[in-house]
Amino acid sequence: MEDRINTLDELLSDPMVQLVMQRDRVRPEQVRTLLERARRPAAEEPLVPPAHVVAKTCQKLWLCR
């Protein structure tokens, strides 16, 4: 017997996953959207904050001068 799940469809059709999603009020299409957004990098959001943002945070925490 094979217990591995190979695809998102298999995962979302698992009865235990469906019960947890139902309890959390999460729909399968929401999971698909979340995973699609995570898979592709957002063009409008930089991966590293700009230097002035890092500097302000650093100064507030007394990590730099």
PDB file of N, CA and C in Angstrom:
ATOM      1  N   MET A   1       0.834  -1.182   0.000  1.00  0.00           N
ATOM      2  CA  MET A   1       0.000   0.000   0.000  1.00  0.00           C
ATOM      3  C   MET A   1       0.881   1.249   0.000  1.00  0.00           C
ATOM      4  N   GLU A   2       0.558   2.169  -0.837  1.00  0.00           N
ATOM      5  CA  GLU A   2       1.332   3.397  -0.970  1.00  0.00           C
ATOM      6  C   GLU A   2       0.605   4.526  -0.266  1.00  0.00           C
ATOM      7  N   ASP A   3       1.281   5.189   0.682  1.00  0.00           N
ATOM      8  CA  ASP A   3       0.682   6.290   1.437  1.00  0.00           C
ATOM      9  C   ASP A   3       1.169   7.652   0.971  1.00  0.00           C
ATOM     10  N   ARG A   4       1.959   7.678  -0.076  1.00  0.00           N
ATOM     11  CA  ARG A   4       2.490   8.958  -0.544  1.00  0.00           C
ATOM     12  C   ARG A   4       1.443   9.729  -1.319  1.00  0.00           C
ATOM     13  N   ILE A   5       1.486  11.042  -1.159  1.00  0.00           N
ATOM     14  CA  ILE A   5       0.602  11.930  -1.915  1.00  0.00           C
ATOM     15  C   ILE A   5       1.476  12.640  -2.932  1.00  0.00           C
ATOM     16  N   ASN A   6       1.088  12.540  -4.194  1.00  0.00           N
ATOM     17  CA  ASN A   6       1.938  13.047  -5.261  1.00  0.00           C
ATOM     18  C   ASN A   6       1.473  14.375  -5.845  1.00  0.00           C
ATOM     19  N   THR A   7       0.211  14.688  -5.716  1.00  0.00           N
ATOM     20  CA  THR A   7      -0.291  15.909  -6.339  1.00  0.00           C
ATOM     21  C   THR A   7      -1.134  16.709  -5.357  1.00  0.00           C
ATOM     22  N   LEU A   8      -1.344  17.952  -5.686  1.00  0.00           N
ATOM     23  CA  LEU A   8      -2.196  18.813  -4.870  1.00  0.00           C
ATOM     24  C   LEU A   8      -3.626  18.282  -4.872  1.00  0.00           C
ATOM     25  N   ASP A   9      -4.084  17.801  -6.009  1.00  0.00           N
ATOM     26  CA  ASP A   9      -5.436  17.240  -6.078  1.00  0.00           C
ATOM     27  C   ASP A   9      -5.596  16.072  -5.115  1.00  0.00           C
ATOM     28  N   GLU A  10      -4.590  15.220  -5.035  1.00  0.00           N
ATOM     29  CA  GLU A  10      -4.649  14.090  -4.097  1.00  0.00           C
ATOM     30  C   GLU A  10      -4.678  14.596  -2.659  1.00  0.00           C
ATOM     31  N   LEU A  11      -3.879  15.591  -2.374  1.00  0.00           N
ATOM     32  CA  LEU A  11      -3.846  16.149  -1.026  1.00  0.00           C
ATOM     33  C   LEU A  11      -5.203  16.746  -0.650  1.00  0.00           C
ATOM     34  N   LEU A  12      -5.757  17.533  -1.557  1.00  0.00           N
ATOM     35  CA  LEU A  12      -7.025  18.199  -1.270  1.00  0.00           C
ATOM     36  C   LEU A  12      -8.207  17.233  -1.240  1.00  0.00           C
ATOM     37  N   SER A  13      -8.053  16.064  -1.811  1.00  0.00           N
ATOM     38  CA  SER A  13      -9.137  15.081  -1.777  1.00  0.00           C
ATOM     39  C   SER A  13      -9.027  14.130  -0.593  1.00  0.00           C
ATOM     40  N   ASP A  14      -7.962  14.246   0.175  1.00  0.00           N
ATOM     41  CA  ASP A  14      -7.788  13.401   1.357  1.00  0.00           C
ATOM     42  C   ASP A  14      -8.855  13.763   2.395  1.00  0.00           C
ATOM     43  N   PRO A  15      -9.563  12.770   2.928  1.00  0.00           N
ATOM     44  CA  PRO A  15     -10.639  13.049   3.889  1.00  0.00           C
ATOM     45  C   PRO A  15     -10.181  13.801   5.143  1.00  0.00           C
ATOM     46  N   MET A  16      -9.006  13.484   5.645  1.00  0.00           N
ATOM     47  CA  MET A  16      -8.511  14.168   6.843  1.00  0.00           C
ATOM     48  C   MET A  16      -8.207  15.641   6.540  1.00  0.00           C
ATOM     49  N   VAL A  17      -7.610  15.893   5.396  1.00  0.00           N
ATOM     50  CA  VAL A  17      -7.315  17.269   4.987  1.00  0.00           C
ATOM     51  C   VAL A  17      -8.622  18.031   4.806  1.00  0.00           C
ATOM     52  N   GLN A  18      -9.614  17.398   4.218  1.00  0.00           N
ATOM     53  CA  GLN A  18     -10.909  18.050   4.025  1.00  0.00           C
ATOM     54  C   GLN A  18     -11.562  18.409   5.365  1.00  0.00           C
ATOM     55  N   LEU A  19     -11.431  17.529   6.349  1.00  0.00           N
ATOM     56  CA  LEU A  19     -11.996  17.814   7.670  1.00  0.00           C
ATOM     57  C   LEU A  19     -11.312  19.018   8.322  1.00  0.00           C
ATOM     58  N   VAL A  20      -9.992  19.068   8.219  1.00  0.00           N
ATOM     59  CA  VAL A  20      -9.255  20.196   8.801  1.00  0.00           C
ATOM     60  C   VAL A  20      -9.605  21.488   8.079  1.00  0.00           C
ATOM     61  N   MET A  21      -9.677  21.421   6.752  1.00  0.00           N
ATOM     62  CA  MET A  21     -10.040  22.609   5.983  1.00  0.00           C
ATOM     63  C   MET A  21     -11.452  23.076   6.328  1.00  0.00           C
ATOM     64  N   GLN A  22     -12.359  22.133   6.492  1.00  0.00           N
ATOM     65  CA  GLN A  22     -13.730  22.482   6.853  1.00  0.00           C
ATOM     66  C   GLN A  22     -13.769  23.153   8.226  1.00  0.00           C
ATOM     67  N   ARG A  23     -13.022  22.600   9.173  1.00  0.00           N
ATOM     68  CA  ARG A  23     -12.972  23.179  10.519  1.00  0.00           C
ATOM     69  C   ARG A  23     -12.409  24.598  10.480  1.00  0.00           C
ATOM     70  N   ASP A  24     -11.382  24.809   9.630  1.00  0.00           N
ATOM     71  CA  ASP A  24     -10.727  26.116   9.532  1.00  0.00           C
ATOM     72  C   ASP A  24     -11.415  27.049   8.543  1.00  0.00           C
ATOM     73  N   ARG A  25     -12.489  26.570   7.945  1.00  0.00           N
ATOM     74  CA  ARG A  25     -13.240  27.347   6.947  1.00  0.00           C
ATOM     75  C   ARG A  25     -12.356  27.787   5.788  1.00  0.00           C
ATOM     76  N   VAL A  26     -11.583  26.839   5.287  1.00  0.00           N
ATOM     77  CA  VAL A  26     -10.701  27.074   4.139  1.00  0.00           C
ATOM     78  C   VAL A  26     -11.220  26.251   2.967  1.00  0.00           C
ATOM     79  N   ARG A  27     -11.316  26.904   1.825  1.00  0.00           N
ATOM     80  CA  ARG A  27     -11.793  26.215   0.619  1.00  0.00           C
ATOM     81  C   ARG A  27     -10.603  25.804  -0.244  1.00  0.00           C
ATOM     82  N   PRO A  28     -10.740  24.729  -0.993  1.00  0.00           N
ATOM     83  CA  PRO A  28      -9.635  24.266  -1.850  1.00  0.00           C
ATOM     84  C   PRO A  28      -9.111  25.340  -2.798  1.00  0.00           C
ATOM     85  N   GLU A  29     -10.006  26.173  -3.316  1.00  0.00           N
ATOM     86  CA  GLU A  29      -9.530  27.208  -4.239  1.00  0.00           C
ATOM     87  C   GLU A  29      -8.657  28.229  -3.537  1.00  0.00           C
ATOM     88  N   GLN A  30      -8.882  28.447  -2.244  1.00  0.00           N
ATOM     89  CA  GLN A  30      -8.024  29.359  -1.479  1.00  0.00           C
ATOM     90  C   GLN A  30      -6.618  28.772  -1.327  1.00  0.00           C
ATOM     91  N   VAL A  31      -6.542  27.475  -1.113  1.00  0.00           N
ATOM     92  CA  VAL A  31      -5.236  26.808  -0.996  1.00  0.00           C
ATOM     93  C   VAL A  31      -4.498  26.894  -2.317  1.00  0.00           C
ATOM     94  N   ARG A  32      -5.203  26.630  -3.409  1.00  0.00           N
ATOM     95  CA  ARG A  32      -4.578  26.706  -4.742  1.00  0.00           C
ATOM     96  C   ARG A  32      -4.051  28.105  -5.019  1.00  0.00           C
ATOM     97  N   THR A  33      -4.843  29.120  -4.700  1.00  0.00           N
ATOM     98  CA  THR A  33      -4.418  30.508  -4.916  1.00  0.00           C
ATOM     99  C   THR A  33      -3.192  30.835  -4.080  1.00  0.00           C
ATOM    100  N   LEU A  34      -3.207  30.439  -2.822  1.00  0.00           N
ATOM    101  CA  LEU A  34      -2.069  30.687  -1.942  1.00  0.00           C
ATOM    102  C   LEU A  34      -0.799  30.048  -2.490  1.00  0.00           C
ATOM    103  N   LEU A  35      -0.896  28.806  -2.935  1.00  0.00           N
ATOM    104  CA  LEU A  35       0.284  28.115  -3.455  1.00  0.00           C
ATOM    105  C   LEU A  35       0.763  28.711  -4.771  1.00  0.00           C
ATOM    106  N   GLU A  36      -0.159  29.139  -5.607  1.00  0.00           N
ATOM    107  CA  GLU A  36       0.231  29.787  -6.867  1.00  0.00           C
ATOM    108  C   GLU A  36       0.965  31.095  -6.597  1.00  0.00           C
ATOM    109  N   ARG A  37       0.488  31.860  -5.628  1.00  0.00           N
ATOM    110  CA  ARG A  37       1.147  33.125  -5.298  1.00  0.00           C
ATOM    111  C   ARG A  37       2.532  32.880  -4.717  1.00  0.00           C
ATOM    112  N   ALA A  38       2.665  31.838  -3.919  1.00  0.00           N
ATOM    113  CA  ALA A  38       3.965  31.527  -3.312  1.00  0.00           C
ATOM    114  C   ALA A  38       4.946  31.001  -4.342  1.00  0.00           C
ATOM    115  N   ARG A  39       4.445  30.354  -5.371  1.00  0.00           N
ATOM    116  CA  ARG A  39       5.324  29.760  -6.375  1.00  0.00           C
ATOM    117  C   ARG A  39       6.011  30.805  -7.235  1.00  0.00           C
ATOM    118  N   ARG A  40       5.301  31.854  -7.584  1.00  0.00           N
ATOM    119  CA  ARG A  40       5.904  32.881  -8.445  1.00  0.00           C
ATOM    120  C   ARG A  40       6.279  34.106  -7.623  1.00  0.00           C
ATOM    121  N   PRO A  41       7.464  34.627  -7.862  1.00  0.00           N
ATOM    122  CA  PRO A  41       7.881  35.814  -7.102  1.00  0.00           C
ATOM    123  C   PRO A  41       7.035  37.023  -7.491  1.00  0.00           C
ATOM    124  N   ALA A  42       6.719  37.828  -6.526  1.00  0.00           N
ATOM    125  CA  ALA A  42       5.934  39.033  -6.775  1.00  0.00           C
ATOM    126  C   ALA A  42       6.831  40.105  -7.378  1.00  0.00           C
ATOM    127  N   ALA A  43       6.436  40.632  -8.502  1.00  0.00           N
ATOM    128  CA  ALA A  43       7.237  41.647  -9.192  1.00  0.00           C
ATOM    129  C   ALA A  43       7.220  42.972  -8.431  1.00  0.00           C
ATOM    130  N   GLU A  44       6.126  43.248  -7.756  1.00  0.00           N
ATOM    131  CA  GLU A  44       6.019  44.542  -7.090  1.00  0.00           C
ATOM    132  C   GLU A  44       6.639  44.561  -5.700  1.00  0.00           C
ATOM    133  N   GLU A  45       6.955  43.405  -5.136  1.00  0.00           N
ATOM    134  CA  GLU A  45       7.531  43.349  -3.796  1.00  0.00           C
ATOM    135  C   GLU A  45       8.997  42.936  -3.853  1.00  0.00           C
ATOM    136  N   PRO A  46       9.900  43.782  -3.377  1.00  0.00           N
ATOM    137  CA  PRO A  46      11.306  43.379  -3.362  1.00  0.00           C
ATOM    138  C   PRO A  46      11.538  42.276  -2.333  1.00  0.00           C
ATOM    139  N   LEU A  47      12.513  41.422  -2.593  1.00  0.00           N
ATOM    140  CA  LEU A  47      12.818  40.343  -1.673  1.00  0.00           C
ATOM    141  C   LEU A  47      13.543  40.860  -0.434  1.00  0.00           C
ATOM    142  N   VAL A  48      14.318  41.928  -0.602  1.00  0.00           N
ATOM    143  CA  VAL A  48      15.047  42.538   0.514  1.00  0.00           C
ATOM    144  C   VAL A  48      14.542  43.967   0.652  1.00  0.00           C
ATOM    145  N   PRO A  49      14.226  44.395   1.876  1.00  0.00           N
ATOM    146  CA  PRO A  49      13.743  45.771   2.027  1.00  0.00           C
ATOM    147  C   PRO A  49      14.818  46.775   1.634  1.00  0.00           C
ATOM    148  N   PRO A  50      14.416  47.967   1.222  1.00  0.00           N
ATOM    149  CA  PRO A  50      15.385  49.006   0.875  1.00  0.00           C
ATOM    150  C   PRO A  50      16.268  49.353   2.074  1.00  0.00           C
ATOM    151  N   ALA A  51      17.435  49.877   1.784  1.00  0.00           N
ATOM    152  CA  ALA A  51      18.424  50.171   2.824  1.00  0.00           C
ATOM    153  C   ALA A  51      17.885  51.120   3.886  1.00  0.00           C
ATOM    154  N   HIS A  52      17.098  52.120   3.494  1.00  0.00           N
ATOM    155  CA  HIS A  52      16.595  53.079   4.492  1.00  0.00           C
ATOM    156  C   HIS A  52      15.626  52.408   5.477  1.00  0.00           C
ATOM    157  N   VAL A  53      14.918  51.388   5.030  1.00  0.00           N
ATOM    158  CA  VAL A  53      14.013  50.659   5.925  1.00  0.00           C
ATOM    159  C   VAL A  53      14.826  49.822   6.905  1.00  0.00           C
ATOM    160  N   VAL A  54      15.857  49.167   6.403  1.00  0.00           N
ATOM    161  CA  VAL A  54      16.723  48.361   7.262  1.00  0.00           C
ATOM    162  C   VAL A  54      17.406  49.254   8.289  1.00  0.00           C
ATOM    163  N   ALA A  55      17.893  50.420   7.857  1.00  0.00           N
ATOM    164  CA  ALA A  55      18.599  51.340   8.757  1.00  0.00           C
ATOM    165  C   ALA A  55      17.673  51.840   9.867  1.00  0.00           C
ATOM    166  N   LYS A  56      16.435  52.190   9.523  1.00  0.00           N
ATOM    167  CA  LYS A  56      15.497  52.677  10.546  1.00  0.00           C
ATOM    168  C   LYS A  56      15.227  51.592  11.579  1.00  0.00           C
ATOM    169  N   THR A  57      15.003  50.391  11.127  1.00  0.00           N
ATOM    170  CA  THR A  57      14.744  49.280  12.040  1.00  0.00           C
ATOM    171  C   THR A  57      15.953  49.008  12.907  1.00  0.00           C
ATOM    172  N   CYS A  58      17.112  49.027  12.297  1.00  0.00           N
ATOM    173  CA  CYS A  58      18.369  48.786  13.006  1.00  0.00           C
ATOM    174  C   CYS A  58      18.565  49.829  14.109  1.00  0.00           C
ATOM    175  N   GLN A  59      18.323  51.094  13.782  1.00  0.00           N
ATOM    176  CA  GLN A  59      18.505  52.172  14.763  1.00  0.00           C
ATOM    177  C   GLN A  59      17.499  52.079  15.901  1.00  0.00           C
ATOM    178  N   LYS A  60      16.261  51.724  15.588  1.00  0.00           N
ATOM    179  CA  LYS A  60      15.242  51.612  16.627  1.00  0.00           C
ATOM    180  C   LYS A  60      15.583  50.511  17.624  1.00  0.00           C
ATOM    181  N   LEU A  61      16.216  49.484  17.150  1.00  0.00           N
ATOM    182  CA  LEU A  61      16.585  48.356  18.012  1.00  0.00           C
ATOM    183  C   LEU A  61      17.983  48.507  18.611  1.00  0.00           C
ATOM    184  N   TRP A  62      18.625  49.638  18.376  1.00  0.00           N
ATOM    185  CA  TRP A  62      19.977  49.919  18.870  1.00  0.00           C
ATOM    186  C   TRP A  62      20.983  48.861  18.378  1.00  0.00           C
ATOM    187  N   LEU A  63      20.796  48.414  17.145  1.00  0.00           N
ATOM    188  CA  LEU A  63      21.716  47.430  16.577  1.00  0.00           C
ATOM    189  C   LEU A  63      22.815  48.088  15.762  1.00  0.00           C
ATOM    190  N   CYS A  64      22.632  49.331  15.393  1.00  0.00           N
ATOM    191  CA  CYS A  64      23.656  50.046  14.612  1.00  0.00           C
ATOM    192  C   CYS A  64      23.661  51.508  15.041  1.00  0.00           C
ATOM    193  N   ARG A  65      24.675  52.241  14.605  1.00  0.00           N
ATOM    194  CA  ARG A  65      24.804  53.651  14.999  1.00  0.00           C
ATOM    195  C   ARG A  65      24.517  54.558  13.866  1.00  0.00           C
TER     196      ARG A  65
END
